[in-house]
């Protein structure tokens, strides 16, 4: 049900906004909740959730009037998890940076905000007065679900891309979700997604 709702919202956003705003559309496949990045840089517990994430989104043309911000593009995308655990929608800015001659490799850092339907505030498994069945349920949630702490999250991302021609490019992409101890104090387990996406430019 959650996946169907997120897919409907994504389809509506793309159909309404793409003809007017989108300079690019993209689709990607990602490993959900990878562990090696979180463990390496201390971003919090990872590896609780499984499956793949499908990212579907669009980017506007560069905003020439935002010179003071480096003329970013605006990205908007939805992420749908194949195991129907933590889906999310995200929007923010990103900045394509050519690496060498135009038309080849480029770097694309970005930063935005996201909203997830994942867990935020898992109940403690050691609370007094719980039945064994309830204690087991909560323990299972602790080991199988990410506790984001907040539904609203920061969404930094980084991609290395290659432009094949004027229309098509591909990107190796990393996306992170975290409350940054700003939207919430306490739990901040976060999510790391790594994958590839195909980009089509209008």
N, C-alpha and C. Protein backbone atom coordinates (compact mmCIF):
# COMPACT_ATOMS: atom_id res chain seq x y z
N UNK A 1 0.82 -1.20 0.00
CA UNK A 1 0.00 0.00 0.00
C UNK A 1 0.87 1.26 0.00
N UNK A 2 1.91 1.27 0.86
CA UNK A 2 2.79 2.43 0.91
C UNK A 2 3.50 2.63 -0.41
N UNK A 3 4.00 1.53 -0.99
CA UNK A 3 4.70 1.63 -2.26
C UNK A 3 3.78 2.16 -3.35
N UNK A 4 2.55 1.70 -3.38
CA UNK A 4 1.60 2.17 -4.39
C UNK A 4 1.34 3.66 -4.23
N UNK A 5 1.22 4.13 -2.98
CA UNK A 5 0.98 5.54 -2.73
C UNK A 5 2.16 6.38 -3.19
N UNK A 6 3.38 5.97 -2.83
CA UNK A 6 4.56 6.72 -3.24
C UNK A 6 4.71 6.72 -4.76
N UNK A 7 4.42 5.59 -5.41
CA UNK A 7 4.51 5.51 -6.86
C UNK A 7 3.51 6.44 -7.53
N UNK A 8 2.30 6.53 -6.97
CA UNK A 8 1.28 7.41 -7.53
C UNK A 8 1.70 8.87 -7.42
N UNK A 9 2.24 9.25 -6.25
CA UNK A 9 2.72 10.62 -6.06
C UNK A 9 3.84 10.94 -7.03
N UNK A 10 4.77 9.99 -7.20
CA UNK A 10 5.90 10.21 -8.11
C UNK A 10 5.42 10.37 -9.55
N UNK A 11 4.51 9.52 -9.98
CA UNK A 11 4.01 9.60 -11.35
C UNK A 11 3.29 10.92 -11.60
N UNK A 12 2.51 11.37 -10.62
CA UNK A 12 1.81 12.64 -10.78
C UNK A 12 2.78 13.81 -10.85
N UNK A 13 3.80 13.79 -9.98
CA UNK A 13 4.78 14.87 -9.98
C UNK A 13 5.54 14.93 -11.30
N UNK A 14 5.94 13.78 -11.81
CA UNK A 14 6.69 13.76 -13.06
C UNK A 14 5.84 14.19 -14.24
N UNK A 15 4.59 13.73 -14.29
CA UNK A 15 3.75 14.07 -15.42
C UNK A 15 3.38 15.55 -15.45
N UNK A 16 3.27 16.16 -14.27
CA UNK A 16 2.90 17.57 -14.20
C UNK A 16 4.10 18.49 -14.36
N UNK A 17 5.23 18.10 -13.75
CA UNK A 17 6.36 19.01 -13.70
C UNK A 17 7.33 18.85 -14.84
N UNK A 18 7.49 17.65 -15.36
CA UNK A 18 8.53 17.42 -16.36
C UNK A 18 8.40 18.29 -17.60
N UNK A 19 7.21 18.46 -18.18
CA UNK A 19 7.12 19.27 -19.38
C UNK A 19 7.49 20.73 -19.16
N UNK A 20 7.33 21.20 -17.89
CA UNK A 20 7.56 22.61 -17.62
C UNK A 20 8.96 22.86 -17.07
N UNK A 21 9.38 22.04 -16.11
CA UNK A 21 10.57 22.34 -15.34
C UNK A 21 11.77 21.45 -15.67
N UNK A 22 11.51 20.23 -16.09
CA UNK A 22 12.59 19.25 -16.09
C UNK A 22 13.54 19.45 -17.26
N UNK A 23 14.81 19.48 -16.92
CA UNK A 23 15.85 19.46 -17.94
C UNK A 23 16.35 18.04 -18.11
N UNK A 24 16.19 17.23 -17.05
CA UNK A 24 16.60 15.83 -17.10
C UNK A 24 15.62 14.98 -16.29
N UNK A 25 15.44 13.75 -16.71
CA UNK A 25 14.74 12.76 -15.90
C UNK A 25 15.69 11.60 -15.68
N UNK A 26 15.50 10.88 -14.60
CA UNK A 26 16.42 9.77 -14.32
C UNK A 26 15.70 8.64 -13.60
N UNK A 27 16.27 7.46 -13.75
CA UNK A 27 15.81 6.28 -13.02
C UNK A 27 17.04 5.51 -12.58
N UNK A 28 17.01 4.97 -11.37
CA UNK A 28 18.17 4.27 -10.85
C UNK A 28 17.81 3.09 -9.99
N UNK A 29 18.75 2.16 -9.84
CA UNK A 29 18.61 1.00 -8.97
C UNK A 29 19.72 1.05 -7.92
N UNK A 30 19.35 0.91 -6.66
CA UNK A 30 20.28 1.10 -5.55
C UNK A 30 20.20 -0.05 -4.56
N UNK A 31 21.33 -0.34 -3.91
CA UNK A 31 21.34 -1.24 -2.76
C UNK A 31 20.86 -0.45 -1.56
N UNK A 32 19.85 -0.95 -0.90
CA UNK A 32 19.24 -0.26 0.24
C UNK A 32 20.01 -0.57 1.52
N UNK A 33 20.36 0.48 2.26
CA UNK A 33 20.98 0.34 3.59
C UNK A 33 22.30 -0.42 3.53
N UNK A 34 23.21 0.09 2.71
CA UNK A 34 24.53 -0.53 2.63
C UNK A 34 25.27 -0.32 3.96
N UNK A 35 26.15 -1.26 4.29
CA UNK A 35 26.81 -1.22 5.60
C UNK A 35 28.21 -0.63 5.57
N UNK A 36 28.91 -0.76 4.45
CA UNK A 36 30.33 -0.40 4.49
C UNK A 36 30.56 1.08 4.67
N UNK A 37 29.67 1.94 4.16
CA UNK A 37 29.86 3.38 4.30
C UNK A 37 29.57 3.84 5.72
N UNK A 38 28.50 3.35 6.31
CA UNK A 38 28.16 3.75 7.66
C UNK A 38 29.21 3.32 8.66
N UNK A 39 29.72 2.10 8.50
CA UNK A 39 30.74 1.61 9.42
C UNK A 39 32.04 2.38 9.26
N UNK A 40 32.38 2.75 8.02
CA UNK A 40 33.67 3.38 7.76
C UNK A 40 33.75 4.80 8.30
N UNK A 41 32.66 5.56 8.20
CA UNK A 41 32.73 6.98 8.58
C UNK A 41 31.86 7.31 9.78
N UNK A 42 31.34 6.30 10.44
CA UNK A 42 30.62 6.54 11.69
C UNK A 42 29.28 7.23 11.53
N UNK A 43 28.56 6.93 10.47
CA UNK A 43 27.26 7.57 10.26
C UNK A 43 26.15 6.88 11.04
N UNK A 44 26.47 5.85 11.77
CA UNK A 44 25.46 5.19 12.59
C UNK A 44 25.23 3.76 12.16
N UNK A 45 24.36 3.09 12.90
CA UNK A 45 24.07 1.69 12.62
C UNK A 45 23.46 1.53 11.23
N UNK A 46 23.85 0.49 10.55
CA UNK A 46 23.36 0.24 9.20
C UNK A 46 23.16 -1.25 9.01
N UNK A 47 22.58 -1.63 7.89
CA UNK A 47 22.41 -3.02 7.58
C UNK A 47 21.18 -3.66 8.19
N UNK A 48 20.28 -2.89 8.75
CA UNK A 48 19.09 -3.46 9.36
C UNK A 48 18.05 -3.84 8.30
N UNK A 49 17.92 -3.03 7.26
CA UNK A 49 16.91 -3.26 6.24
C UNK A 49 17.54 -3.81 4.97
N UNK A 50 16.74 -4.48 4.17
CA UNK A 50 17.26 -5.16 2.99
C UNK A 50 16.49 -4.71 1.76
N UNK A 51 16.83 -5.32 0.63
CA UNK A 51 16.13 -5.03 -0.62
C UNK A 51 16.86 -4.01 -1.46
N UNK A 52 16.20 -3.60 -2.52
CA UNK A 52 16.73 -2.60 -3.44
C UNK A 52 15.82 -1.39 -3.43
N UNK A 53 16.39 -0.24 -3.78
CA UNK A 53 15.61 0.99 -3.92
C UNK A 53 15.58 1.40 -5.38
N UNK A 54 14.42 1.77 -5.87
CA UNK A 54 14.27 2.32 -7.22
C UNK A 54 14.06 3.81 -7.08
N UNK A 55 14.96 4.60 -7.68
CA UNK A 55 14.84 6.05 -7.65
C UNK A 55 14.29 6.53 -8.99
N UNK A 56 13.25 7.35 -8.94
CA UNK A 56 12.65 7.94 -10.13
C UNK A 56 12.54 9.44 -9.88
N UNK A 57 13.10 10.26 -10.79
CA UNK A 57 13.06 11.68 -10.51
C UNK A 57 13.36 12.56 -11.69
N UNK A 58 13.48 13.84 -11.41
CA UNK A 58 13.83 14.81 -12.46
C UNK A 58 14.66 15.94 -11.89
N UNK A 59 15.34 16.63 -12.76
CA UNK A 59 16.11 17.82 -12.40
C UNK A 59 15.72 18.96 -13.33
N UNK A 60 15.67 20.15 -12.78
CA UNK A 60 15.44 21.33 -13.59
C UNK A 60 16.72 21.70 -14.34
N UNK A 61 16.61 22.66 -15.22
CA UNK A 61 17.77 23.28 -15.82
C UNK A 61 18.52 24.04 -14.72
N UNK A 62 19.74 24.45 -14.97
CA UNK A 62 20.49 25.23 -13.99
C UNK A 62 19.79 26.56 -13.76
N UNK A 63 19.72 26.98 -12.51
CA UNK A 63 19.03 28.21 -12.14
C UNK A 63 20.01 29.38 -12.27
N UNK A 64 20.02 30.00 -13.44
CA UNK A 64 20.99 31.03 -13.75
C UNK A 64 20.88 32.23 -12.82
N UNK A 65 19.69 32.48 -12.28
CA UNK A 65 19.52 33.64 -11.40
C UNK A 65 20.10 33.42 -10.01
N UNK A 66 20.44 32.17 -9.67
CA UNK A 66 21.05 31.88 -8.36
C UNK A 66 22.57 31.81 -8.49
N UNK A 67 23.14 32.88 -9.01
CA UNK A 67 24.60 32.93 -9.18
C UNK A 67 25.31 32.79 -7.84
N UNK A 68 24.76 33.42 -6.80
CA UNK A 68 25.38 33.37 -5.47
C UNK A 68 25.41 31.96 -4.90
N UNK A 69 24.58 31.05 -5.47
CA UNK A 69 24.53 29.66 -5.00
C UNK A 69 25.19 28.71 -5.99
N UNK A 70 25.88 29.27 -6.99
CA UNK A 70 26.60 28.44 -7.94
C UNK A 70 25.75 27.89 -9.07
N UNK A 71 24.59 28.54 -9.33
CA UNK A 71 23.69 28.12 -10.42
C UNK A 71 23.35 26.62 -10.34
N UNK A 72 22.73 26.20 -9.26
CA UNK A 72 22.44 24.76 -9.10
C UNK A 72 21.27 24.31 -9.96
N UNK A 73 21.13 23.01 -10.10
CA UNK A 73 19.89 22.41 -10.58
C UNK A 73 19.06 22.01 -9.35
N UNK A 74 17.76 21.92 -9.53
CA UNK A 74 16.88 21.40 -8.48
C UNK A 74 16.55 19.95 -8.82
N UNK A 75 16.71 19.06 -7.86
CA UNK A 75 16.33 17.67 -8.07
C UNK A 75 15.14 17.32 -7.19
N UNK A 76 14.27 16.48 -7.70
CA UNK A 76 13.15 15.91 -6.96
C UNK A 76 13.05 14.45 -7.37
N UNK A 77 13.00 13.55 -6.39
CA UNK A 77 12.86 12.14 -6.74
C UNK A 77 12.14 11.38 -5.63
N UNK A 78 11.64 10.21 -6.00
CA UNK A 78 11.03 9.30 -5.05
C UNK A 78 11.84 8.02 -5.03
N UNK A 79 11.98 7.42 -3.86
CA UNK A 79 12.70 6.16 -3.69
C UNK A 79 11.73 5.11 -3.17
N UNK A 80 11.58 4.02 -3.93
CA UNK A 80 10.67 2.94 -3.58
C UNK A 80 11.46 1.69 -3.24
N UNK A 81 11.25 1.16 -2.05
CA UNK A 81 11.98 -0.02 -1.59
C UNK A 81 11.24 -1.30 -1.98
N UNK A 82 11.97 -2.26 -2.54
CA UNK A 82 11.34 -3.50 -3.01
C UNK A 82 10.79 -4.34 -1.88
N UNK A 83 11.29 -4.15 -0.66
CA UNK A 83 10.77 -4.88 0.51
C UNK A 83 9.72 -4.07 1.26
N UNK A 84 9.37 -2.90 0.72
CA UNK A 84 8.34 -2.03 1.30
C UNK A 84 8.65 -1.67 2.75
N UNK A 85 9.93 -1.30 2.98
CA UNK A 85 10.29 -0.86 4.33
C UNK A 85 10.33 0.67 4.36
N UNK A 86 11.50 1.26 4.07
CA UNK A 86 11.63 2.72 4.17
C UNK A 86 11.67 3.34 2.78
N UNK A 87 10.52 3.86 2.33
CA UNK A 87 10.46 4.66 1.11
C UNK A 87 10.69 6.12 1.48
N UNK A 88 11.07 6.94 0.51
CA UNK A 88 11.21 8.36 0.80
C UNK A 88 11.09 9.20 -0.46
N UNK A 89 10.77 10.47 -0.26
CA UNK A 89 10.80 11.47 -1.32
C UNK A 89 11.82 12.51 -0.91
N UNK A 90 12.51 13.11 -1.89
CA UNK A 90 13.57 14.07 -1.59
C UNK A 90 13.59 15.18 -2.62
N UNK A 91 14.02 16.35 -2.18
CA UNK A 91 14.22 17.48 -3.08
C UNK A 91 15.38 18.31 -2.57
N UNK A 92 16.09 18.96 -3.49
CA UNK A 92 17.22 19.77 -3.10
C UNK A 92 17.96 20.31 -4.30
N UNK A 93 19.19 20.76 -4.08
CA UNK A 93 20.04 21.31 -5.13
C UNK A 93 21.18 20.36 -5.45
N UNK A 94 21.66 20.37 -6.68
CA UNK A 94 22.92 19.72 -7.02
C UNK A 94 23.66 20.54 -8.07
N UNK A 95 24.97 20.29 -8.14
CA UNK A 95 25.86 21.10 -8.96
C UNK A 95 26.72 20.21 -9.85
N UNK A 96 26.44 20.11 -11.14
CA UNK A 96 27.31 19.32 -12.04
C UNK A 96 28.64 20.04 -12.27
N UNK A 97 29.73 19.29 -12.10
CA UNK A 97 31.08 19.85 -12.25
C UNK A 97 31.82 19.01 -13.28
N UNK A 98 32.17 19.60 -14.41
CA UNK A 98 32.90 18.88 -15.46
C UNK A 98 34.29 18.48 -14.97
N UNK A 99 34.68 17.25 -15.29
CA UNK A 99 36.02 16.75 -14.98
C UNK A 99 36.78 16.64 -16.30
N UNK A 100 37.50 17.69 -16.65
CA UNK A 100 38.18 17.71 -17.94
C UNK A 100 37.30 18.34 -19.00
N UNK A 101 37.43 17.86 -20.23
CA UNK A 101 36.69 18.43 -21.36
C UNK A 101 35.20 18.20 -21.19
N UNK A 102 34.36 19.17 -21.58
CA UNK A 102 32.90 18.98 -21.51
C UNK A 102 32.45 17.79 -22.34
N UNK A 103 31.45 17.09 -21.81
CA UNK A 103 30.90 15.96 -22.55
C UNK A 103 31.41 14.61 -22.10
N UNK A 104 32.31 14.58 -21.11
CA UNK A 104 32.83 13.32 -20.61
C UNK A 104 32.41 13.08 -19.17
N UNK A 105 33.40 12.85 -18.31
CA UNK A 105 33.11 12.60 -16.90
C UNK A 105 32.75 13.90 -16.17
N UNK A 106 31.92 13.76 -15.16
CA UNK A 106 31.56 14.90 -14.32
C UNK A 106 31.25 14.41 -12.91
N UNK A 107 31.34 15.33 -11.98
CA UNK A 107 31.01 15.07 -10.58
C UNK A 107 29.74 15.85 -10.25
N UNK A 108 28.88 15.27 -9.42
CA UNK A 108 27.63 15.95 -9.10
C UNK A 108 27.35 15.83 -7.59
N UNK A 109 27.85 16.78 -6.79
CA UNK A 109 27.46 16.82 -5.38
C UNK A 109 26.07 17.45 -5.25
N UNK A 110 25.36 17.07 -4.18
CA UNK A 110 24.04 17.64 -3.97
C UNK A 110 23.66 17.61 -2.50
N UNK A 111 22.65 18.39 -2.18
CA UNK A 111 22.17 18.45 -0.80
C UNK A 111 20.70 18.82 -0.82
N UNK A 112 19.90 18.14 0.04
CA UNK A 112 18.48 18.44 0.09
C UNK A 112 17.84 17.95 1.36
N UNK A 113 16.52 17.88 1.31
CA UNK A 113 15.72 17.38 2.42
C UNK A 113 14.87 16.22 1.93
N UNK A 114 14.55 15.31 2.83
CA UNK A 114 13.75 14.14 2.47
C UNK A 114 12.67 13.90 3.52
N UNK A 115 11.64 13.18 3.11
CA UNK A 115 10.61 12.72 4.03
C UNK A 115 10.45 11.21 3.83
N UNK A 116 10.52 10.46 4.90
CA UNK A 116 10.44 9.00 4.82
C UNK A 116 9.18 8.47 5.50
N UNK A 117 8.69 7.34 5.00
CA UNK A 117 7.61 6.64 5.70
C UNK A 117 8.18 5.52 6.57
N UNK A 118 9.51 5.52 6.75
CA UNK A 118 10.15 4.54 7.61
C UNK A 118 9.89 4.83 9.09
N UNK A 119 10.53 4.05 9.95
CA UNK A 119 10.30 4.15 11.38
C UNK A 119 11.03 5.36 11.98
N UNK A 120 10.36 6.04 12.89
CA UNK A 120 10.96 7.17 13.60
C UNK A 120 10.49 7.11 15.04
N UNK A 121 11.31 6.52 15.90
CA UNK A 121 10.94 6.37 17.30
C UNK A 121 10.44 4.98 17.62
N UNK A 122 11.31 3.97 17.46
CA UNK A 122 10.93 2.60 17.77
C UNK A 122 10.71 2.45 19.28
N UNK A 123 9.69 1.69 19.69
CA UNK A 123 9.42 1.52 21.12
C UNK A 123 10.50 0.65 21.77
N UNK A 124 10.89 0.94 23.00
CA UNK A 124 11.93 0.14 23.67
C UNK A 124 11.46 -1.27 23.96
N UNK A 125 12.37 -2.23 23.77
CA UNK A 125 12.02 -3.63 24.00
C UNK A 125 12.14 -4.01 25.48
N UNK A 126 12.79 -3.14 26.29
CA UNK A 126 13.00 -3.48 27.70
C UNK A 126 12.07 -2.71 28.63
N UNK A 127 10.98 -2.14 28.07
CA UNK A 127 10.02 -1.42 28.92
C UNK A 127 9.34 -2.40 29.88
N UNK A 128 9.04 -1.97 31.09
CA UNK A 128 8.40 -2.87 32.06
C UNK A 128 6.97 -3.20 31.67
N UNK A 129 6.53 -4.38 32.06
CA UNK A 129 5.14 -4.78 31.89
C UNK A 129 4.78 -5.33 30.52
N UNK A 130 5.76 -5.57 29.67
CA UNK A 130 5.47 -6.08 28.33
C UNK A 130 5.23 -7.59 28.37
N UNK A 131 4.34 -8.05 27.54
CA UNK A 131 4.20 -9.49 27.35
C UNK A 131 5.40 -9.99 26.55
N UNK A 132 5.63 -11.30 26.61
CA UNK A 132 6.75 -11.84 25.86
C UNK A 132 6.56 -11.63 24.36
N UNK A 133 5.33 -11.75 23.88
CA UNK A 133 5.06 -11.55 22.45
C UNK A 133 5.37 -10.12 22.03
N UNK A 134 5.00 -9.15 22.87
CA UNK A 134 5.28 -7.75 22.54
C UNK A 134 6.77 -7.45 22.62
N UNK A 135 7.44 -8.04 23.62
CA UNK A 135 8.89 -7.86 23.73
C UNK A 135 9.60 -8.44 22.51
N UNK A 136 9.15 -9.59 22.03
CA UNK A 136 9.74 -10.21 20.84
C UNK A 136 9.48 -9.34 19.60
N UNK A 137 8.28 -8.76 19.50
CA UNK A 137 7.95 -7.91 18.36
C UNK A 137 8.86 -6.68 18.31
N UNK A 138 9.04 -6.06 19.47
CA UNK A 138 9.88 -4.87 19.53
C UNK A 138 11.35 -5.20 19.27
N UNK A 139 11.80 -6.33 19.77
CA UNK A 139 13.19 -6.75 19.53
C UNK A 139 13.41 -7.00 18.04
N UNK A 140 12.45 -7.62 17.40
CA UNK A 140 12.55 -7.86 15.96
C UNK A 140 12.62 -6.55 15.18
N UNK A 141 11.81 -5.57 15.57
CA UNK A 141 11.85 -4.26 14.92
C UNK A 141 13.24 -3.63 15.08
N UNK A 142 13.82 -3.75 16.28
CA UNK A 142 15.13 -3.15 16.53
C UNK A 142 16.20 -3.68 15.57
N UNK A 143 16.13 -4.98 15.28
CA UNK A 143 17.16 -5.59 14.44
C UNK A 143 16.83 -5.57 12.94
N UNK A 144 15.60 -5.23 12.58
CA UNK A 144 15.22 -5.31 11.17
C UNK A 144 14.76 -3.99 10.57
N UNK A 145 14.63 -2.94 11.38
CA UNK A 145 14.18 -1.65 10.87
C UNK A 145 15.12 -0.54 11.32
N UNK A 146 15.33 0.43 10.45
CA UNK A 146 16.09 1.63 10.79
C UNK A 146 15.21 2.55 11.63
N UNK A 147 15.77 3.09 12.71
CA UNK A 147 15.08 4.11 13.49
C UNK A 147 15.68 5.47 13.10
N UNK A 148 14.99 6.17 12.20
CA UNK A 148 15.51 7.44 11.70
C UNK A 148 15.45 8.55 12.74
N UNK A 149 14.62 8.38 13.75
CA UNK A 149 14.48 9.43 14.75
C UNK A 149 13.52 10.53 14.34
N UNK A 150 13.47 10.82 13.04
CA UNK A 150 12.61 11.87 12.51
C UNK A 150 12.13 11.47 11.13
N UNK A 151 10.93 11.90 10.77
CA UNK A 151 10.42 11.65 9.42
C UNK A 151 11.07 12.58 8.41
N UNK A 152 11.44 13.78 8.84
CA UNK A 152 12.12 14.76 7.98
C UNK A 152 13.62 14.60 8.18
N UNK A 153 14.37 14.51 7.08
CA UNK A 153 15.79 14.18 7.15
C UNK A 153 16.59 15.02 6.17
N UNK A 154 17.88 15.15 6.44
CA UNK A 154 18.80 15.73 5.47
C UNK A 154 19.12 14.68 4.40
N UNK A 155 19.40 15.15 3.18
CA UNK A 155 19.66 14.24 2.06
C UNK A 155 20.87 14.71 1.25
N UNK A 156 22.10 14.52 1.79
CA UNK A 156 23.29 14.77 0.96
C UNK A 156 23.49 13.64 -0.04
N UNK A 157 24.05 13.96 -1.20
CA UNK A 157 24.31 12.94 -2.21
C UNK A 157 25.54 13.31 -3.03
N UNK A 158 26.09 12.32 -3.70
CA UNK A 158 27.26 12.51 -4.56
C UNK A 158 27.20 11.52 -5.70
N UNK A 159 27.48 12.00 -6.92
CA UNK A 159 27.44 11.11 -8.08
C UNK A 159 28.65 11.38 -8.97
N UNK A 160 29.17 10.31 -9.57
CA UNK A 160 30.18 10.40 -10.62
C UNK A 160 29.51 9.95 -11.90
N UNK A 161 29.46 10.85 -12.89
CA UNK A 161 28.72 10.55 -14.11
C UNK A 161 29.58 10.57 -15.36
N UNK A 162 29.01 10.00 -16.41
CA UNK A 162 29.65 10.05 -17.72
C UNK A 162 28.58 10.36 -18.76
N UNK A 163 28.84 11.36 -19.58
CA UNK A 163 27.90 11.79 -20.61
C UNK A 163 28.23 11.11 -21.93
N UNK A 164 27.33 10.26 -22.40
CA UNK A 164 27.55 9.53 -23.64
C UNK A 164 27.32 10.41 -24.88
N UNK A 165 26.29 11.25 -24.78
CA UNK A 165 25.98 12.19 -25.87
C UNK A 165 25.10 13.29 -25.28
N UNK A 166 24.47 14.08 -26.14
CA UNK A 166 23.68 15.21 -25.66
C UNK A 166 22.44 14.77 -24.88
N UNK A 167 22.01 13.53 -25.07
CA UNK A 167 20.78 13.06 -24.43
C UNK A 167 21.02 12.14 -23.24
N UNK A 168 21.97 11.24 -23.34
CA UNK A 168 22.10 10.16 -22.37
C UNK A 168 23.38 10.25 -21.55
N UNK A 169 23.24 9.96 -20.28
CA UNK A 169 24.39 9.83 -19.38
C UNK A 169 24.06 8.82 -18.30
N UNK A 170 25.08 8.34 -17.63
CA UNK A 170 24.88 7.42 -16.50
C UNK A 170 25.68 7.91 -15.31
N UNK A 171 25.24 7.54 -14.11
CA UNK A 171 25.89 8.02 -12.90
C UNK A 171 26.02 6.90 -11.86
N UNK A 172 27.18 6.83 -11.23
CA UNK A 172 27.37 6.03 -10.03
C UNK A 172 27.04 6.94 -8.87
N UNK A 173 26.06 6.56 -8.07
CA UNK A 173 25.45 7.52 -7.15
C UNK A 173 25.41 7.00 -5.71
N UNK A 174 25.61 7.93 -4.78
CA UNK A 174 25.50 7.66 -3.34
C UNK A 174 24.54 8.67 -2.73
N UNK A 175 23.59 8.18 -1.95
CA UNK A 175 22.62 9.03 -1.26
C UNK A 175 22.57 8.65 0.21
N UNK A 176 22.55 9.65 1.08
CA UNK A 176 22.50 9.41 2.53
C UNK A 176 21.30 10.14 3.13
N UNK A 177 20.63 9.51 4.07
CA UNK A 177 19.58 10.16 4.84
C UNK A 177 19.97 10.17 6.31
N UNK A 178 19.76 11.30 6.97
CA UNK A 178 20.13 11.42 8.38
C UNK A 178 19.41 12.63 8.98
N UNK A 179 19.06 12.54 10.26
CA UNK A 179 18.46 13.71 10.90
C UNK A 179 19.50 14.70 11.40
N UNK A 180 20.78 14.30 11.40
CA UNK A 180 21.86 15.21 11.76
C UNK A 180 21.81 15.74 13.19
N UNK A 181 21.03 15.08 14.04
CA UNK A 181 20.83 15.55 15.41
C UNK A 181 20.27 16.98 15.44
N UNK A 182 19.62 17.38 14.34
CA UNK A 182 18.98 18.70 14.27
C UNK A 182 17.47 18.53 14.25
N UNK A 183 16.96 17.65 13.38
CA UNK A 183 15.53 17.39 13.36
C UNK A 183 15.09 16.52 14.53
N UNK A 184 16.06 15.87 15.18
CA UNK A 184 15.75 14.99 16.31
C UNK A 184 16.99 14.83 17.16
N UNK A 185 16.82 14.72 18.46
CA UNK A 185 17.92 14.46 19.37
C UNK A 185 17.82 13.02 19.86
N UNK A 186 18.86 12.23 19.59
CA UNK A 186 18.85 10.83 20.02
C UNK A 186 19.15 9.91 18.86
N UNK A 187 18.20 9.05 18.51
CA UNK A 187 18.41 8.08 17.45
C UNK A 187 18.73 8.77 16.12
N UNK A 188 19.78 8.29 15.46
CA UNK A 188 20.18 8.84 14.15
C UNK A 188 20.89 7.75 13.37
N UNK A 189 20.18 6.64 13.12
CA UNK A 189 20.82 5.50 12.49
C UNK A 189 21.10 5.74 11.01
N UNK A 190 20.25 6.46 10.32
CA UNK A 190 20.53 6.86 8.95
C UNK A 190 20.41 5.74 7.93
N UNK A 191 20.45 6.15 6.68
CA UNK A 191 20.35 5.23 5.55
C UNK A 191 21.38 5.62 4.50
N UNK A 192 22.10 4.63 3.97
CA UNK A 192 23.02 4.83 2.86
C UNK A 192 22.55 3.99 1.68
N UNK A 193 22.39 4.64 0.53
CA UNK A 193 22.04 3.98 -0.72
C UNK A 193 23.18 4.16 -1.71
N UNK A 194 23.58 3.09 -2.38
CA UNK A 194 24.58 3.17 -3.45
C UNK A 194 24.04 2.44 -4.67
N UNK A 195 24.14 3.07 -5.83
CA UNK A 195 23.63 2.43 -7.04
C UNK A 195 24.00 3.19 -8.29
N UNK A 196 23.33 2.84 -9.36
CA UNK A 196 23.57 3.48 -10.65
C UNK A 196 22.25 4.01 -11.19
N UNK A 197 22.33 5.09 -11.97
CA UNK A 197 21.12 5.62 -12.58
C UNK A 197 21.38 6.06 -14.01
N UNK A 198 20.35 6.01 -14.80
CA UNK A 198 20.39 6.41 -16.19
C UNK A 198 19.66 7.74 -16.32
N UNK A 199 20.29 8.68 -17.02
CA UNK A 199 19.77 10.05 -17.10
C UNK A 199 19.48 10.40 -18.55
N UNK A 200 18.29 10.99 -18.78
CA UNK A 200 17.91 11.45 -20.11
C UNK A 200 17.68 12.95 -20.07
N UNK A 201 18.35 13.69 -20.94
CA UNK A 201 18.22 15.14 -21.01
C UNK A 201 17.31 15.53 -22.15
N UNK A 202 16.43 16.49 -21.90
CA UNK A 202 15.52 16.96 -22.93
C UNK A 202 16.22 17.92 -23.91
